[in-house]
Amino acid sequence: MGILNLTPDSFSDGGSFDGIDQALKRVDTMVSEGADIIDLGGESTRPGAERVSVNEEWRRIEGVLKRVCELKIPVSIDTMKPEIMRRAVDMGVDIINDVSGFKSEEALEFLSEMAETNVGFCIMHMQGNPQNMQQCPRYVDVVSEVEFFLQQKVNEFYEYRIAENRILIDPGFGFGKTSQHNLLLLKQISRLRKICPLLVGLSRKRIISELSSRKSNPPDRLGGSLAMALWCAMQGASVLRVHDVKETREMITVFRAVSSESLLVDKNDGKYS
């Protein structure tokens, strides 16, 4: 899943793709690099980010979303607002990715409207909201609490006649969690994936700088991002949400090749090609 932020204040690439032509060029690049899904967002959810109105969020994404939905690739919309969800579905979006976990009554009302559609959903766990989530996140048992929340939400989706093959879950790394919480969750990817297919988003996040013991800006965290992506893929994550599509795709492709029993061998001379 390739990330397209149409925001001025996202933690890694805010303001980089604020024009339609720039955004579409970035989409074309990610598709050519091997993205299977494009995830488009118009409101930053970094720690401390300010909320924006429905009209402002839609202004940022409408033109680009319309063009991207015309492409032959699944499109995800990253939004917490049911009104944006409705407008995006009307435009042809394939997946709704809600970092707030579809908690509001209006979000549940939206779910009821989607029962007979093929729209997919990603349910994420977040303690608090982007404005306060990193002020003092606390858990008794972070893995069990995240697991319980996600299982309860999946069961709720079933009650709204949303089938399992339309649901992804996301533990919400960095959303109301310390680095220790994130590490505990990382070690239990295989446990969480038993609930439902799992999406993970660790690309360029602060935990990479902390684990590497090196101060770095988000775009300078490629090595750690790839290590995180590989670990999650090995533990059974179904979707990797990333900024660096080409490098992640190449890493996964090479890893699969060397992990398989059918290495590329020239049968004439026995040398690897």
C-alpha atoms as a PDB file:
ATOM      1  CA  MET A   1       0.000   0.000   0.000  1.00  0.00           C
ATOM      2  CA  GLY A   2       1.598   3.233  -1.177  1.00  0.00           C
ATOM      3  CA  ILE A   3       1.015   6.370   0.895  1.00  0.00           C
ATOM      4  CA  LEU A   4      -0.163   9.595  -0.721  1.00  0.00           C
ATOM      5  CA  ASN A   5      -0.503  12.431   1.795  1.00  0.00           C
ATOM      6  CA  LEU A   6      -2.281  15.504   0.449  1.00  0.00           C
ATOM      7  CA  THR A   7      -1.603  17.458   3.619  1.00  0.00           C
ATOM      8  CA  PRO A   8       0.650  20.381   4.513  1.00  0.00           C
ATOM      9  CA  ASP A   9       1.590  18.899   7.895  1.00  0.00           C
ATOM     10  CA  SER A  10       2.082  15.120   7.724  1.00  0.00           C
ATOM     11  CA  PHE A  11       5.102  13.958   9.724  1.00  0.00           C
ATOM     12  CA  SER A  12       7.166  12.757   6.751  1.00  0.00           C
ATOM     13  CA  ASP A  13       6.077  14.324   3.476  1.00  0.00           C
ATOM     14  CA  GLY A  14       3.653  17.095   4.374  1.00  0.00           C
ATOM     15  CA  GLY A  15       3.278  19.612   1.563  1.00  0.00           C
ATOM     16  CA  SER A  16       5.150  17.492  -0.974  1.00  0.00           C
ATOM     17  CA  PHE A  17       2.131  16.622  -3.119  1.00  0.00           C
ATOM     18  CA  ASP A  18      -0.285  19.523  -2.667  1.00  0.00           C
ATOM     19  CA  GLY A  19      -0.917  20.022  -6.391  1.00  0.00           C
ATOM     20  CA  ILE A  20      -2.981  17.657  -8.533  1.00  0.00           C
ATOM     21  CA  ASP A  21      -0.224  17.190 -11.114  1.00  0.00           C
ATOM     22  CA  GLN A  22       2.383  16.478  -8.421  1.00  0.00           C
ATOM     23  CA  ALA A  23       0.079  14.035  -6.670  1.00  0.00           C
ATOM     24  CA  LEU A  24      -0.818  12.151  -9.851  1.00  0.00           C
ATOM     25  CA  LYS A  25       2.842  11.920 -10.826  1.00  0.00           C
ATOM     26  CA  ARG A  26       3.551  10.393  -7.425  1.00  0.00           C
ATOM     27  CA  VAL A  27       0.708   7.895  -7.914  1.00  0.00           C
ATOM     28  CA  ASP A  28       2.070   6.901 -11.321  1.00  0.00           C
ATOM     29  CA  THR A  29       5.498   6.398  -9.775  1.00  0.00           C
ATOM     30  CA  MET A  30       4.185   4.227  -6.947  1.00  0.00           C
ATOM     31  CA  VAL A  31       2.139   2.104  -9.346  1.00  0.00           C
ATOM     32  CA  SER A  32       5.158   1.588 -11.608  1.00  0.00           C
ATOM     33  CA  GLU A  33       7.213   0.652  -8.547  1.00  0.00           C
ATOM     34  CA  GLY A  34       4.781  -2.094  -7.599  1.00  0.00           C
ATOM     35  CA  ALA A  35       2.147  -0.611  -5.289  1.00  0.00           C
ATOM     36  CA  ASP A  36      -0.955  -2.810  -5.066  1.00  0.00           C
ATOM     37  CA  ILE A  37      -3.101  -0.165  -3.323  1.00  0.00           C
ATOM     38  CA  ILE A  38      -2.919   3.629  -3.111  1.00  0.00           C
ATOM     39  CA  ASP A  39      -3.878   5.087   0.288  1.00  0.00           C
ATOM     40  CA  LEU A  40      -4.845   8.733   0.012  1.00  0.00           C
ATOM     41  CA  GLY A  41      -5.377  11.114   2.928  1.00  0.00           C
ATOM     42  CA  GLY A  42      -6.236  14.772   3.407  1.00  0.00           C
ATOM     43  CA  GLU A  43      -5.851  15.192   7.174  1.00  0.00           C
ATOM     44  CA  SER A  44      -2.666  14.587   9.116  1.00  0.00           C
ATOM     45  CA  THR A  45      -2.914  12.173  12.057  1.00  0.00           C
ATOM     46  CA  ARG A  46       0.618  12.720  13.370  1.00  0.00           C
ATOM     47  CA  PRO A  47       0.889  13.382  17.138  1.00  0.00           C
ATOM     48  CA  GLY A  48      -0.410  16.865  17.918  1.00  0.00           C
ATOM     49  CA  ALA A  49      -1.921  17.443  14.479  1.00  0.00           C
ATOM     50  CA  GLU A  50      -4.822  19.881  14.344  1.00  0.00           C
ATOM     51  CA  ARG A  51      -8.220  18.736  13.069  1.00  0.00           C
ATOM     52  CA  VAL A  52      -9.501  20.164   9.820  1.00  0.00           C
ATOM     53  CA  SER A  53     -13.079  20.679   8.682  1.00  0.00           C
ATOM     54  CA  VAL A  54     -14.930  18.346   6.328  1.00  0.00           C
ATOM     55  CA  ASN A  55     -14.851  21.015   3.628  1.00  0.00           C
ATOM     56  CA  GLU A  56     -11.110  21.579   3.951  1.00  0.00           C
ATOM     57  CA  GLU A  57     -10.295  17.865   3.932  1.00  0.00           C
ATOM     58  CA  TRP A  58     -12.501  17.318   0.872  1.00  0.00           C
ATOM     59  CA  ARG A  59     -10.968  20.320  -0.887  1.00  0.00           C
ATOM     60  CA  ARG A  60      -7.544  18.767  -0.494  1.00  0.00           C
ATOM     61  CA  ILE A  61      -8.467  15.350  -1.849  1.00  0.00           C
ATOM     62  CA  GLU A  62     -11.411  15.724  -4.242  1.00  0.00           C
ATOM     63  CA  GLY A  63      -9.567  16.480  -7.474  1.00  0.00           C
ATOM     64  CA  VAL A  64      -6.846  13.887  -6.941  1.00  0.00           C
ATOM     65  CA  LEU A  65      -9.234  11.225  -5.685  1.00  0.00           C
ATOM     66  CA  LYS A  66     -11.430  11.577  -8.756  1.00  0.00           C
ATOM     67  CA  ARG A  67      -8.460  11.006 -11.056  1.00  0.00           C
ATOM     68  CA  VAL A  68      -6.946   8.168  -9.013  1.00  0.00           C
ATOM     69  CA  CYS A  69     -10.273   6.307  -8.889  1.00  0.00           C
ATOM     70  CA  GLU A  70     -10.181   6.209 -12.690  1.00  0.00           C
ATOM     71  CA  LEU A  71      -6.998   4.127 -12.589  1.00  0.00           C
ATOM     72  CA  LYS A  72      -6.982   0.343 -12.544  1.00  0.00           C
ATOM     73  CA  ILE A  73      -5.718   0.020  -8.975  1.00  0.00           C
ATOM     74  CA  PRO A  74      -7.556  -0.286  -5.647  1.00  0.00           C
ATOM     75  CA  VAL A  75      -7.837   3.040  -3.826  1.00  0.00           C
ATOM     76  CA  SER A  76      -8.045   3.529  -0.060  1.00  0.00           C
ATOM     77  CA  ILE A  77      -9.146   6.742   1.649  1.00  0.00           C
ATOM     78  CA  ASP A  78      -7.555   7.548   5.014  1.00  0.00           C
ATOM     79  CA  THR A  79     -10.171   9.547   6.931  1.00  0.00           C
ATOM     80  CA  MET A  80     -11.946   9.708  10.276  1.00  0.00           C
ATOM     81  CA  LYS A  81     -14.979  11.589   8.950  1.00  0.00           C
ATOM     82  CA  PRO A  82     -18.091   9.628   7.858  1.00  0.00           C
ATOM     83  CA  GLU A  83     -19.099  12.427   5.481  1.00  0.00           C
ATOM     84  CA  ILE A  84     -15.758  12.108   3.680  1.00  0.00           C
ATOM     85  CA  MET A  85     -16.242   8.327   3.638  1.00  0.00           C
ATOM     86  CA  ARG A  86     -19.630   8.705   1.940  1.00  0.00           C
ATOM     87  CA  ARG A  87     -18.315  11.125  -0.665  1.00  0.00           C
ATOM     88  CA  ALA A  88     -15.313   8.888  -1.368  1.00  0.00           C
ATOM     89  CA  VAL A  89     -17.484   5.800  -1.832  1.00  0.00           C
ATOM     90  CA  ASP A  90     -19.716   7.747  -4.231  1.00  0.00           C
ATOM     91  CA  MET A  91     -16.580   8.567  -6.215  1.00  0.00           C
ATOM     92  CA  GLY A  92     -15.560   4.912  -6.406  1.00  0.00           C
ATOM     93  CA  VAL A  93     -13.068   4.353  -3.577  1.00  0.00           C
ATOM     94  CA  ASP A  94     -12.444   0.693  -2.658  1.00  0.00           C
ATOM     95  CA  ILE A  95     -11.313   0.814   0.993  1.00  0.00           C
ATOM     96  CA  ILE A  96     -12.095   3.060   3.963  1.00  0.00           C
ATOM     97  CA  ASN A  97      -9.149   3.361   6.357  1.00  0.00           C
ATOM     98  CA  ASP A  98     -10.240   4.912   9.681  1.00  0.00           C
ATOM     99  CA  VAL A  99      -7.502   5.436  12.271  1.00  0.00           C
ATOM    100  CA  SER A 100     -10.165   6.195  14.898  1.00  0.00           C
ATOM    101  CA  GLY A 101     -11.578   2.690  14.521  1.00  0.00           C
ATOM    102  CA  PHE A 102     -15.152   3.463  13.397  1.00  0.00           C
ATOM    103  CA  LYS A 103     -16.179   4.328  16.957  1.00  0.00           C
ATOM    104  CA  SER A 104     -18.696   7.113  16.408  1.00  0.00           C
ATOM    105  CA  GLU A 105     -22.420   6.596  15.967  1.00  0.00           C
ATOM    106  CA  GLU A 106     -22.230   8.276  12.565  1.00  0.00           C
ATOM    107  CA  ALA A 107     -19.457   5.888  11.500  1.00  0.00           C
ATOM    108  CA  LEU A 108     -21.615   2.919  12.526  1.00  0.00           C
ATOM    109  CA  GLU A 109     -24.528   4.399  10.615  1.00  0.00           C
ATOM    110  CA  PHE A 110     -22.246   4.597   7.588  1.00  0.00           C
ATOM    111  CA  LEU A 111     -21.371   0.906   8.047  1.00  0.00           C
ATOM    112  CA  SER A 112     -25.034  -0.027   7.939  1.00  0.00           C
ATOM    113  CA  GLU A 113     -25.291   1.755   4.587  1.00  0.00           C
ATOM    114  CA  MET A 114     -22.373  -0.287   3.222  1.00  0.00           C
ATOM    115  CA  ALA A 115     -23.716  -3.769   3.991  1.00  0.00           C
ATOM    116  CA  GLU A 116     -24.692  -4.562   0.400  1.00  0.00           C
ATOM    117  CA  THR A 117     -21.599  -3.038  -1.216  1.00  0.00           C
ATOM    118  CA  ASN A 118     -18.122  -4.436  -1.864  1.00  0.00           C
ATOM    119  CA  VAL A 119     -16.336  -1.634  -0.011  1.00  0.00           C
ATOM    120  CA  GLY A 120     -13.500  -2.808   2.248  1.00  0.00           C
ATOM    121  CA  PHE A 121     -12.557  -1.417   5.655  1.00  0.00           C
ATOM    122  CA  CYS A 122      -9.439  -1.053   7.765  1.00  0.00           C
ATOM    123  CA  ILE A 123     -10.058  -0.822  11.520  1.00  0.00           C
ATOM    124  CA  MET A 124      -7.202   0.706  13.510  1.00  0.00           C
ATOM    125  CA  HIS A 125      -6.609   0.844  17.255  1.00  0.00           C
ATOM    126  CA  MET A 126      -5.754   4.227  18.738  1.00  0.00           C
ATOM    127  CA  GLN A 127      -5.717   5.284  22.389  1.00  0.00           C
ATOM    128  CA  GLY A 128      -7.016   8.843  22.550  1.00  0.00           C
ATOM    129  CA  ASN A 129      -6.869  11.015  19.434  1.00  0.00           C
ATOM    130  CA  PRO A 130      -4.054  12.551  17.384  1.00  0.00           C
ATOM    131  CA  GLN A 131      -4.155  15.673  19.519  1.00  0.00           C
ATOM    132  CA  ASN A 132      -3.411  13.862  22.810  1.00  0.00           C
ATOM    133  CA  MET A 133      -2.515  10.236  22.012  1.00  0.00           C
ATOM    134  CA  GLN A 134       1.199  10.517  22.817  1.00  0.00           C
ATOM    135  CA  GLN A 135       0.905  12.598  25.979  1.00  0.00           C
ATOM    136  CA  CYS A 136       0.809   9.645  28.356  1.00  0.00           C
ATOM    137  CA  PRO A 137      -0.285   6.352  26.776  1.00  0.00           C
ATOM    138  CA  ARG A 138      -0.967   3.674  29.395  1.00  0.00           C
ATOM    139  CA  TYR A 139      -1.929   0.011  29.266  1.00  0.00           C
ATOM    140  CA  VAL A 140      -2.007  -2.869  31.710  1.00  0.00           C
ATOM    141  CA  ASP A 141      -1.352  -5.337  28.879  1.00  0.00           C
ATOM    142  CA  VAL A 142      -1.050  -3.554  25.530  1.00  0.00           C
ATOM    143  CA  VAL A 143      -1.233  -6.697  23.393  1.00  0.00           C
ATOM    144  CA  SER A 144      -4.334  -8.067  25.102  1.00  0.00           C
ATOM    145  CA  GLU A 145      -6.059  -4.676  25.106  1.00  0.00           C
ATOM    146  CA  VAL A 146      -5.381  -4.018  21.422  1.00  0.00           C
ATOM    147  CA  GLU A 147      -6.372  -7.589  20.587  1.00  0.00           C
ATOM    148  CA  PHE A 148      -9.631  -7.252  22.537  1.00  0.00           C
ATOM    149  CA  PHE A 149     -10.531  -3.962  20.853  1.00  0.00           C
ATOM    150  CA  LEU A 150      -9.860  -5.266  17.353  1.00  0.00           C
ATOM    151  CA  GLN A 151     -11.741  -8.516  17.955  1.00  0.00           C
ATOM    152  CA  GLN A 152     -14.732  -6.637  19.357  1.00  0.00           C
ATOM    153  CA  LYS A 153     -14.772  -4.267  16.383  1.00  0.00           C
ATOM    154  CA  VAL A 154     -14.551  -7.130  13.891  1.00  0.00           C
ATOM    155  CA  ASN A 155     -17.477  -8.823  15.640  1.00  0.00           C
ATOM    156  CA  GLU A 156     -19.379  -5.538  15.447  1.00  0.00           C
ATOM    157  CA  PHE A 157     -18.686  -5.350  11.726  1.00  0.00           C
ATOM    158  CA  TYR A 158     -20.116  -8.843  11.318  1.00  0.00           C
ATOM    159  CA  GLU A 159     -23.291  -7.610  13.012  1.00  0.00           C
ATOM    160  CA  TYR A 160     -23.485  -4.916  10.329  1.00  0.00           C
ATOM    161  CA  ARG A 161     -23.192  -7.661   7.691  1.00  0.00           C
ATOM    162  CA  ILE A 162     -19.628  -6.764   6.713  1.00  0.00           C
ATOM    163  CA  ALA A 163     -17.934 -10.061   5.806  1.00  0.00           C
ATOM    164  CA  GLU A 164     -14.424 -11.002   6.929  1.00  0.00           C
ATOM    165  CA  ASN A 165     -13.054 -10.730   3.389  1.00  0.00           C
ATOM    166  CA  ARG A 166     -13.876  -7.008   3.492  1.00  0.00           C
ATOM    167  CA  ILE A 167     -11.995  -6.270   6.733  1.00  0.00           C
ATOM    168  CA  LEU A 168      -8.391  -5.407   7.590  1.00  0.00           C
ATOM    169  CA  ILE A 169      -7.166  -4.632  11.103  1.00  0.00           C
ATOM    170  CA  ASP A 170      -4.289  -2.372  12.136  1.00  0.00           C
ATOM    171  CA  PRO A 171      -2.670  -2.402  15.632  1.00  0.00           C
ATOM    172  CA  GLY A 172      -1.960   1.322  15.255  1.00  0.00           C
ATOM    173  CA  PHE A 173       1.776   1.522  15.816  1.00  0.00           C
ATOM    174  CA  GLY A 174       2.616   4.953  17.229  1.00  0.00           C
ATOM    175  CA  PHE A 175      -1.011   5.881  17.841  1.00  0.00           C
ATOM    176  CA  GLY A 176      -1.273   6.227  21.609  1.00  0.00           C
ATOM    177  CA  LYS A 177       1.661   3.902  22.237  1.00  0.00           C
ATOM    178  CA  THR A 178       5.203   4.232  23.533  1.00  0.00           C
ATOM    179  CA  SER A 179       8.135   2.527  21.829  1.00  0.00           C
ATOM    180  CA  GLN A 180       7.883  -0.290  24.375  1.00  0.00           C
ATOM    181  CA  HIS A 181       4.204  -0.765  23.558  1.00  0.00           C
ATOM    182  CA  ASN A 182       5.069  -0.847  19.857  1.00  0.00           C
ATOM    183  CA  LEU A 183       7.766  -3.476  20.408  1.00  0.00           C
ATOM    184  CA  LEU A 184       5.431  -5.698  22.419  1.00  0.00           C
ATOM    185  CA  LEU A 185       2.873  -5.507  19.620  1.00  0.00           C
ATOM    186  CA  LEU A 186       5.501  -6.189  16.968  1.00  0.00           C
ATOM    187  CA  LYS A 187       6.429  -9.421  18.695  1.00  0.00           C
ATOM    188  CA  GLN A 188       2.791 -10.545  18.563  1.00  0.00           C
ATOM    189  CA  ILE A 189       1.945  -9.885  14.902  1.00  0.00           C
ATOM    190  CA  SER A 190       1.293 -13.598  14.378  1.00  0.00           C
ATOM    191  CA  ARG A 191      -1.156 -13.572  17.302  1.00  0.00           C
ATOM    192  CA  LEU A 192      -3.070 -10.507  16.112  1.00  0.00           C
ATOM    193  CA  ARG A 193      -3.361 -11.750  12.529  1.00  0.00           C
ATOM    194  CA  LYS A 194      -5.525 -14.626  13.772  1.00  0.00           C
ATOM    195  CA  ILE A 195      -8.349 -12.096  14.219  1.00  0.00           C
ATOM    196  CA  CYS A 196      -8.394 -10.881  10.624  1.00  0.00           C
ATOM    197  CA  PRO A 197      -5.925  -9.996   7.842  1.00  0.00           C
ATOM    198  CA  LEU A 198      -3.495  -7.462   9.230  1.00  0.00           C
ATOM    199  CA  LEU A 199      -2.277  -4.113   7.882  1.00  0.00           C
ATOM    200  CA  VAL A 200       0.809  -2.540   9.430  1.00  0.00           C
ATOM    201  CA  GLY A 201       2.072   1.020   9.127  1.00  0.00           C
ATOM    202  CA  LEU A 202       5.588   1.555  10.498  1.00  0.00           C
ATOM    203  CA  SER A 203       7.171   3.335   7.558  1.00  0.00           C
ATOM    204  CA  ARG A 204       9.541   6.135   8.637  1.00  0.00           C
ATOM    205  CA  LYS A 205       8.105   6.291  12.177  1.00  0.00           C
ATOM    206  CA  ARG A 206       9.958   7.586  15.231  1.00  0.00           C
ATOM    207  CA  ILE A 207      10.499   4.126  16.688  1.00  0.00           C
ATOM    208  CA  ILE A 208      12.966   3.446  13.862  1.00  0.00           C
ATOM    209  CA  SER A 209      15.152   6.353  14.932  1.00  0.00           C
ATOM    210  CA  GLU A 210      14.923   5.227  18.557  1.00  0.00           C
ATOM    211  CA  LEU A 211      15.822   1.599  17.829  1.00  0.00           C
ATOM    212  CA  SER A 212      18.738   2.576  15.601  1.00  0.00           C
ATOM    213  CA  SER A 213      20.165   4.882  18.306  1.00  0.00           C
ATOM    214  CA  ARG A 214      20.577   7.516  15.624  1.00  0.00           C
ATOM    215  CA  LYS A 215      18.752  10.808  15.353  1.00  0.00           C
ATOM    216  CA  SER A 216      17.174  11.006  11.919  1.00  0.00           C
ATOM    217  CA  ASN A 217      14.466  12.766   9.993  1.00  0.00           C
ATOM    218  CA  PRO A 218      11.610  10.612   8.647  1.00  0.00           C
ATOM    219  CA  PRO A 219      12.873  10.425   5.019  1.00  0.00           C
ATOM    220  CA  ASP A 220      16.243   9.200   6.368  1.00  0.00           C
ATOM    221  CA  ARG A 221      14.793   6.037   7.924  1.00  0.00           C
ATOM    222  CA  LEU A 222      14.708   3.729   4.907  1.00  0.00           C
ATOM    223  CA  GLY A 223      16.860   0.957   6.353  1.00  0.00           C
ATOM    224  CA  GLY A 224      14.802   0.708   9.510  1.00  0.00           C
ATOM    225  CA  SER A 225      11.550   0.928   7.566  1.00  0.00           C
ATOM    226  CA  LEU A 226      12.612  -2.031   5.434  1.00  0.00           C
ATOM    227  CA  ALA A 227      13.611  -4.027   8.515  1.00  0.00           C
ATOM    228  CA  MET A 228      10.201  -3.358  10.069  1.00  0.00           C
ATOM    229  CA  ALA A 229       8.389  -4.284   6.852  1.00  0.00           C
ATOM    230  CA  LEU A 230      10.318  -7.544   6.489  1.00  0.00           C
ATOM    231  CA  TRP A 231       9.700  -8.540  10.101  1.00  0.00           C
ATOM    232  CA  CYS A 232       5.959  -7.891   9.783  1.00  0.00           C
ATOM    233  CA  ALA A 233       5.740  -9.760   6.482  1.00  0.00           C
ATOM    234  CA  MET A 234       7.550 -12.747   7.999  1.00  0.00           C
ATOM    235  CA  GLN A 235       5.076 -12.757  10.893  1.00  0.00           C
ATOM    236  CA  GLY A 236       2.108 -12.858   8.528  1.00  0.00           C
ATOM    237  CA  ALA A 237       1.054  -9.246   7.930  1.00  0.00           C
ATOM    238  CA  SER A 238      -1.077  -9.027   4.787  1.00  0.00           C
ATOM    239  CA  VAL A 239      -0.608  -5.349   3.865  1.00  0.00           C
ATOM    240  CA  LEU A 240       2.428  -3.108   4.346  1.00  0.00           C
ATOM    241  CA  ARG A 241       1.571   0.602   4.294  1.00  0.00           C
ATOM    242  CA  VAL A 242       4.743   2.347   3.109  1.00  0.00           C
ATOM    243  CA  HIS A 243       6.234   5.529   1.696  1.00  0.00           C
ATOM    244  CA  ASP A 244       9.100   3.772  -0.113  1.00  0.00           C
ATOM    245  CA  VAL A 245       7.273   1.439  -2.497  1.00  0.00           C
ATOM    246  CA  LYS A 246      10.125   0.498  -4.837  1.00  0.00           C
ATOM    247  CA  GLU A 247      12.548  -0.439  -2.089  1.00  0.00           C
ATOM    248  CA  THR A 248       9.950  -2.357  -0.070  1.00  0.00           C
ATOM    249  CA  ARG A 249       8.722  -4.276  -3.111  1.00  0.00           C
ATOM    250  CA  GLU A 250      12.286  -5.176  -4.101  1.00  0.00           C
ATOM    251  CA  MET A 251      13.122  -6.271  -0.571  1.00  0.00           C
ATOM    252  CA  ILE A 252      10.088  -8.565  -0.353  1.00  0.00           C
ATOM    253  CA  THR A 253      10.680  -9.962  -3.862  1.00  0.00           C
ATOM    254  CA  VAL A 254      14.326 -10.779  -3.175  1.00  0.00           C
ATOM    255  CA  PHE A 255      13.539 -12.256   0.221  1.00  0.00           C
ATOM    256  CA  ARG A 256      10.916 -14.538  -1.278  1.00  0.00           C
ATOM    257  CA  ALA A 257      13.330 -15.610  -4.002  1.00  0.00           C
ATOM    258  CA  VAL A 258      16.135 -16.589  -1.645  1.00  0.00           C
ATOM    259  CA  SER A 259      13.678 -18.206   0.779  1.00  0.00           C
ATOM    260  CA  SER A 260      12.184 -20.502  -1.858  1.00  0.00           C
ATOM    261  CA  GLU A 261      13.543 -23.849  -2.967  1.00  0.00           C
ATOM    262  CA  SER A 262      13.475 -22.797  -6.624  1.00  0.00           C
ATOM    263  CA  LEU A 263      16.464 -20.474  -6.928  1.00  0.00           C
ATOM    264  CA  LEU A 264      17.219 -19.308 -10.454  1.00  0.00           C
ATOM    265  CA  VAL A 265      19.827 -21.739 -11.761  1.00  0.00           C
ATOM    266  CA  ASP A 266      21.283 -22.052 -15.244  1.00  0.00           C
ATOM    267  CA  LYS A 267      20.924 -25.780 -15.808  1.00  0.00           C
ATOM    268  CA  ASN A 268      23.634 -25.740 -18.464  1.00  0.00           C
ATOM    269  CA  ASP A 269      26.481 -24.731 -16.225  1.00  0.00           C
ATOM    270  CA  GLY A 270      24.985 -24.849 -12.723  1.00  0.00           C
ATOM    271  CA  LYS A 271      25.659 -21.196 -12.092  1.00  0.00           C
ATOM    272  CA  TYR A 272      23.188 -18.859 -10.500  1.00  0.00           C
ATOM    273  CA  SER A 273      21.837 -16.331 -12.965  1.00  0.00           C
END
